[in-house]
Amino acid sequence: MTDTIKVLYSEAVLEIDGVKYHHHPNGGGLVAETAEVAPTAYVGLFARVCAYAKVGDYANVCGNARVCAYAKVGDYANVCGNARVCAYAKVDACAWVCGERIVRRAKRRS
């Protein structure tokens, strides 16, 4: 049996370190006001998209996963479990990052 989660309140519900978060309408997870998450993406109830991260169409961020800083999760990609995608990392379309994995990339120097 799958539970259905319906977000009833679209305004900011939480503030962490001065950044306001709202529940994503598809899954109910927390999304920073500075992040960009496609409406078709799924952000699970215990997942979080922070800072200036971007999550593409039909991507899944679930479990206790975090997408932080300037990380990008491509269309149809999956970040699940306790995985972390941080810094300037990019998870390409259709890729999976699961379990306890941490994916990060330092910013390129100009």
N, C-alpha and C. Protein backbone atom coordinates (compact mmCIF):
# COMPACT_ATOMS: atom_id res chain seq x y z
N MET A 1 0.84 -1.17 0.00
CA MET A 1 0.00 0.00 0.00
C MET A 1 0.89 1.25 0.00
N THR A 2 0.62 2.15 -0.88
CA THR A 2 1.39 3.38 -0.98
C THR A 2 0.60 4.53 -0.39
N ASP A 3 1.26 5.29 0.49
CA ASP A 3 0.60 6.46 1.07
C ASP A 3 0.61 7.59 0.06
N THR A 4 -0.46 8.36 0.05
CA THR A 4 -0.54 9.53 -0.79
C THR A 4 -0.27 10.74 0.08
N ILE A 5 0.67 11.57 -0.35
CA ILE A 5 1.00 12.78 0.40
C ILE A 5 0.50 13.97 -0.39
N LYS A 6 -0.31 14.78 0.23
CA LYS A 6 -0.85 15.96 -0.41
C LYS A 6 -0.41 17.18 0.38
N VAL A 7 0.33 18.08 -0.27
CA VAL A 7 0.79 19.30 0.40
C VAL A 7 -0.38 20.29 0.42
N LEU A 8 -0.72 20.72 1.63
CA LEU A 8 -1.87 21.61 1.79
C LEU A 8 -1.47 23.07 1.94
N TYR A 9 -0.19 23.31 2.14
CA TYR A 9 0.26 24.68 2.41
C TYR A 9 1.50 24.93 1.58
N SER A 10 1.46 25.91 0.67
CA SER A 10 2.56 26.13 -0.26
C SER A 10 3.54 27.23 0.17
N GLU A 11 3.23 27.91 1.25
CA GLU A 11 4.12 28.97 1.73
C GLU A 11 5.30 28.37 2.51
N ALA A 12 6.27 29.21 2.84
CA ALA A 12 7.42 28.75 3.61
C ALA A 12 6.96 28.17 4.95
N VAL A 13 7.52 27.02 5.29
CA VAL A 13 7.12 26.35 6.52
C VAL A 13 8.25 26.23 7.53
N LEU A 14 9.47 26.57 7.08
CA LEU A 14 10.64 26.36 7.92
C LEU A 14 11.74 27.31 7.47
N GLU A 15 12.56 27.74 8.42
CA GLU A 15 13.72 28.55 8.08
C GLU A 15 14.96 27.93 8.71
N ILE A 16 15.98 27.66 7.88
CA ILE A 16 17.23 27.08 8.36
C ILE A 16 18.36 28.00 7.94
N ASP A 17 19.12 28.49 8.90
CA ASP A 17 20.23 29.41 8.62
C ASP A 17 19.81 30.58 7.74
N GLY A 18 18.63 31.11 8.00
CA GLY A 18 18.15 32.28 7.28
C GLY A 18 17.52 31.99 5.93
N VAL A 19 17.48 30.73 5.52
CA VAL A 19 16.88 30.35 4.24
C VAL A 19 15.52 29.70 4.49
N LYS A 20 14.50 30.20 3.80
CA LYS A 20 13.16 29.64 3.96
C LYS A 20 12.97 28.43 3.07
N TYR A 21 12.24 27.46 3.59
CA TYR A 21 11.93 26.22 2.87
C TYR A 21 10.43 26.04 2.77
N HIS A 22 10.00 25.44 1.66
CA HIS A 22 8.60 25.07 1.50
C HIS A 22 8.54 23.58 1.13
N HIS A 23 7.37 23.00 1.27
CA HIS A 23 7.18 21.59 0.88
C HIS A 23 6.98 21.52 -0.63
N HIS A 24 7.68 20.58 -1.26
CA HIS A 24 7.48 20.38 -2.69
C HIS A 24 6.11 19.73 -2.90
N PRO A 25 5.33 20.23 -3.86
CA PRO A 25 3.98 19.68 -4.05
C PRO A 25 3.95 18.21 -4.44
N ASN A 26 5.04 17.69 -4.98
CA ASN A 26 5.08 16.29 -5.36
C ASN A 26 6.01 15.54 -4.41
N GLY A 27 5.48 15.09 -3.30
CA GLY A 27 6.25 14.31 -2.33
C GLY A 27 6.35 14.95 -0.97
N GLY A 28 6.27 16.27 -0.90
CA GLY A 28 6.26 16.94 0.39
C GLY A 28 7.61 17.23 1.01
N GLY A 29 8.71 16.91 0.32
CA GLY A 29 10.04 17.19 0.86
C GLY A 29 10.34 18.68 0.89
N LEU A 30 11.40 19.05 1.60
CA LEU A 30 11.74 20.46 1.76
C LEU A 30 12.59 20.98 0.61
N VAL A 31 12.22 22.17 0.12
CA VAL A 31 12.95 22.82 -0.97
C VAL A 31 13.25 24.25 -0.54
N ALA A 32 14.52 24.64 -0.62
CA ALA A 32 14.92 26.01 -0.27
C ALA A 32 14.34 26.99 -1.27
N GLU A 33 14.03 28.19 -0.80
CA GLU A 33 13.48 29.21 -1.68
C GLU A 33 14.47 29.59 -2.79
N THR A 34 15.74 29.31 -2.59
CA THR A 34 16.78 29.64 -3.56
C THR A 34 17.05 28.51 -4.55
N ALA A 35 16.51 27.33 -4.31
CA ALA A 35 16.73 26.16 -5.17
C ALA A 35 15.70 26.16 -6.31
N GLU A 36 16.00 25.38 -7.34
CA GLU A 36 15.06 25.22 -8.46
C GLU A 36 14.74 23.74 -8.62
N VAL A 37 13.48 23.40 -8.45
CA VAL A 37 13.04 22.01 -8.58
C VAL A 37 11.85 21.98 -9.54
N ALA A 38 11.96 21.14 -10.56
CA ALA A 38 10.88 21.02 -11.54
C ALA A 38 9.60 20.55 -10.85
N PRO A 39 8.46 21.05 -11.28
CA PRO A 39 7.20 20.61 -10.68
C PRO A 39 6.94 19.11 -10.87
N THR A 40 7.54 18.53 -11.92
CA THR A 40 7.34 17.10 -12.19
C THR A 40 8.30 16.22 -11.39
N ALA A 41 9.28 16.82 -10.75
CA ALA A 41 10.23 16.06 -9.92
C ALA A 41 9.51 15.57 -8.66
N TYR A 42 10.08 14.56 -8.02
CA TYR A 42 9.56 14.05 -6.76
C TYR A 42 10.61 14.30 -5.69
N VAL A 43 10.21 15.02 -4.63
CA VAL A 43 11.08 15.24 -3.48
C VAL A 43 10.37 14.60 -2.29
N GLY A 44 10.87 13.46 -1.85
CA GLY A 44 10.23 12.69 -0.79
C GLY A 44 10.15 13.45 0.53
N LEU A 45 9.27 13.00 1.36
CA LEU A 45 8.94 13.67 2.62
C LEU A 45 10.14 13.96 3.51
N PHE A 46 11.16 13.12 3.51
CA PHE A 46 12.31 13.32 4.37
C PHE A 46 13.54 13.82 3.61
N ALA A 47 13.39 14.10 2.33
CA ALA A 47 14.48 14.59 1.49
C ALA A 47 14.52 16.12 1.54
N ARG A 48 15.68 16.65 1.10
CA ARG A 48 15.83 18.11 1.13
C ARG A 48 16.66 18.58 -0.06
N VAL A 49 16.22 19.69 -0.68
CA VAL A 49 16.97 20.34 -1.75
C VAL A 49 17.34 21.72 -1.21
N CYS A 50 18.64 21.98 -1.08
CA CYS A 50 19.14 23.16 -0.38
C CYS A 50 19.85 24.14 -1.30
N ALA A 51 20.10 25.31 -0.77
CA ALA A 51 20.91 26.36 -1.40
C ALA A 51 20.45 26.65 -2.83
N TYR A 52 21.37 26.55 -3.79
CA TYR A 52 21.07 26.89 -5.18
C TYR A 52 21.03 25.65 -6.07
N ALA A 53 20.74 24.52 -5.47
CA ALA A 53 20.69 23.26 -6.21
C ALA A 53 19.55 23.28 -7.22
N LYS A 54 19.70 22.43 -8.25
CA LYS A 54 18.67 22.30 -9.29
C LYS A 54 18.33 20.83 -9.47
N VAL A 55 17.03 20.56 -9.58
CA VAL A 55 16.55 19.19 -9.80
C VAL A 55 15.65 19.22 -11.02
N GLY A 56 15.96 18.36 -12.00
CA GLY A 56 15.27 18.36 -13.29
C GLY A 56 13.96 17.61 -13.32
N ASP A 57 13.35 17.63 -14.50
CA ASP A 57 12.05 17.00 -14.73
C ASP A 57 12.08 15.51 -14.40
N TYR A 58 11.08 15.06 -13.70
CA TYR A 58 10.85 13.66 -13.36
C TYR A 58 12.00 13.02 -12.56
N ALA A 59 12.87 13.84 -12.00
CA ALA A 59 13.93 13.32 -11.13
C ALA A 59 13.32 12.94 -9.79
N ASN A 60 13.99 12.06 -9.06
CA ASN A 60 13.54 11.63 -7.74
C ASN A 60 14.61 11.91 -6.71
N VAL A 61 14.22 12.59 -5.64
CA VAL A 61 15.09 12.78 -4.48
C VAL A 61 14.29 12.20 -3.32
N CYS A 62 14.72 11.07 -2.79
CA CYS A 62 13.88 10.39 -1.81
C CYS A 62 14.69 9.81 -0.66
N GLY A 63 14.01 9.24 0.30
CA GLY A 63 14.67 8.79 1.52
C GLY A 63 15.13 9.99 2.31
N ASN A 64 16.34 9.94 2.83
CA ASN A 64 16.93 11.07 3.56
C ASN A 64 17.94 11.80 2.68
N ALA A 65 17.81 11.69 1.38
CA ALA A 65 18.77 12.27 0.45
C ALA A 65 18.79 13.79 0.52
N ARG A 66 19.95 14.37 0.17
CA ARG A 66 20.13 15.82 0.13
C ARG A 66 20.80 16.20 -1.18
N VAL A 67 20.31 17.28 -1.78
CA VAL A 67 20.95 17.90 -2.93
C VAL A 67 21.27 19.31 -2.49
N CYS A 68 22.56 19.66 -2.44
CA CYS A 68 22.98 20.91 -1.79
C CYS A 68 23.88 21.76 -2.67
N ALA A 69 24.11 22.97 -2.20
CA ALA A 69 25.00 23.96 -2.82
C ALA A 69 24.56 24.25 -4.25
N TYR A 70 25.45 24.05 -5.22
CA TYR A 70 25.14 24.33 -6.63
C TYR A 70 25.00 23.04 -7.43
N ALA A 71 24.71 21.94 -6.76
CA ALA A 71 24.59 20.64 -7.42
C ALA A 71 23.41 20.62 -8.38
N LYS A 72 23.52 19.76 -9.39
CA LYS A 72 22.45 19.61 -10.37
C LYS A 72 22.10 18.13 -10.52
N VAL A 73 20.82 17.85 -10.46
CA VAL A 73 20.32 16.49 -10.68
C VAL A 73 19.51 16.54 -11.96
N GLY A 74 19.95 15.78 -12.95
CA GLY A 74 19.34 15.83 -14.27
C GLY A 74 17.97 15.17 -14.35
N ASP A 75 17.32 15.36 -15.48
CA ASP A 75 16.00 14.78 -15.74
C ASP A 75 16.05 13.26 -15.54
N TYR A 76 15.07 12.72 -14.89
CA TYR A 76 14.90 11.29 -14.67
C TYR A 76 15.97 10.65 -13.78
N ALA A 77 16.85 11.45 -13.17
CA ALA A 77 17.88 10.92 -12.28
C ALA A 77 17.28 10.61 -10.92
N ASN A 78 17.98 9.79 -10.14
CA ASN A 78 17.50 9.37 -8.83
C ASN A 78 18.59 9.55 -7.78
N VAL A 79 18.24 10.21 -6.69
CA VAL A 79 19.13 10.35 -5.53
C VAL A 79 18.32 9.83 -4.35
N CYS A 80 18.78 8.74 -3.75
CA CYS A 80 17.94 8.10 -2.73
C CYS A 80 18.75 7.58 -1.56
N GLY A 81 18.05 7.10 -0.56
CA GLY A 81 18.70 6.61 0.66
C GLY A 81 19.25 7.78 1.45
N ASN A 82 20.49 7.67 1.89
CA ASN A 82 21.17 8.75 2.61
C ASN A 82 22.19 9.45 1.72
N ALA A 83 22.02 9.35 0.42
CA ALA A 83 22.96 9.93 -0.53
C ALA A 83 22.99 11.45 -0.44
N ARG A 84 24.16 12.01 -0.77
CA ARG A 84 24.35 13.45 -0.80
C ARG A 84 24.97 13.83 -2.14
N VAL A 85 24.39 14.82 -2.79
CA VAL A 85 24.96 15.39 -4.01
C VAL A 85 25.24 16.84 -3.66
N CYS A 86 26.53 17.22 -3.62
CA CYS A 86 26.88 18.54 -3.10
C CYS A 86 27.89 19.28 -3.96
N ALA A 87 28.19 20.48 -3.49
CA ALA A 87 29.12 21.40 -4.14
C ALA A 87 28.68 21.65 -5.58
N TYR A 88 29.53 21.40 -6.55
CA TYR A 88 29.19 21.65 -7.96
C TYR A 88 28.98 20.34 -8.71
N ALA A 89 28.61 19.29 -8.00
CA ALA A 89 28.42 17.97 -8.62
C ALA A 89 27.22 17.99 -9.57
N LYS A 90 27.29 17.12 -10.54
CA LYS A 90 26.19 16.97 -11.49
C LYS A 90 25.88 15.49 -11.65
N VAL A 91 24.62 15.14 -11.45
CA VAL A 91 24.16 13.77 -11.68
C VAL A 91 23.38 13.81 -12.99
N ASP A 92 23.91 13.14 -13.99
CA ASP A 92 23.31 13.20 -15.32
C ASP A 92 21.97 12.50 -15.38
N ALA A 93 21.27 12.78 -16.46
CA ALA A 93 19.95 12.22 -16.69
C ALA A 93 19.98 10.70 -16.56
N CYS A 94 19.00 10.16 -15.90
CA CYS A 94 18.77 8.72 -15.74
C CYS A 94 19.77 8.03 -14.81
N ALA A 95 20.69 8.75 -14.19
CA ALA A 95 21.68 8.13 -13.30
C ALA A 95 21.07 7.89 -11.92
N TRP A 96 21.72 7.01 -11.15
CA TRP A 96 21.29 6.69 -9.78
C TRP A 96 22.43 6.95 -8.81
N VAL A 97 22.11 7.60 -7.70
CA VAL A 97 23.04 7.77 -6.59
C VAL A 97 22.28 7.31 -5.35
N CYS A 98 22.73 6.22 -4.74
CA CYS A 98 21.95 5.62 -3.64
C CYS A 98 22.82 5.26 -2.45
N GLY A 99 22.14 4.84 -1.39
CA GLY A 99 22.83 4.37 -0.20
C GLY A 99 23.47 5.51 0.55
N GLU A 100 24.73 5.30 0.94
CA GLU A 100 25.48 6.29 1.72
C GLU A 100 26.43 7.11 0.85
N ARG A 101 26.24 7.09 -0.44
CA ARG A 101 27.15 7.75 -1.37
C ARG A 101 27.14 9.27 -1.22
N ILE A 102 28.32 9.85 -1.42
CA ILE A 102 28.45 11.30 -1.45
C ILE A 102 29.12 11.66 -2.77
N VAL A 103 28.47 12.51 -3.55
CA VAL A 103 29.02 12.94 -4.83
C VAL A 103 29.25 14.44 -4.71
N ARG A 104 30.51 14.85 -4.93
CA ARG A 104 30.80 16.27 -4.88
C ARG A 104 31.88 16.60 -5.90
N ARG A 105 31.89 17.85 -6.30
CA ARG A 105 32.87 18.31 -7.27
C ARG A 105 33.27 19.72 -6.91
N ALA A 106 34.56 19.96 -6.89
CA ALA A 106 35.05 21.31 -6.61
C ALA A 106 34.80 22.20 -7.82
N LYS A 107 34.62 23.47 -7.56
CA LYS A 107 34.40 24.43 -8.64
C LYS A 107 35.67 24.56 -9.47
N ARG A 108 35.50 24.62 -10.78
CA ARG A 108 36.65 24.82 -11.66
C ARG A 108 37.19 26.22 -11.52
N ARG A 109 38.49 26.33 -11.57
CA ARG A 109 39.11 27.65 -11.54
C ARG A 109 39.02 28.28 -12.91
N SER A 110 38.84 29.57 -12.96
CA SER A 110 38.73 30.29 -14.24
C SER A 110 40.07 30.43 -14.90
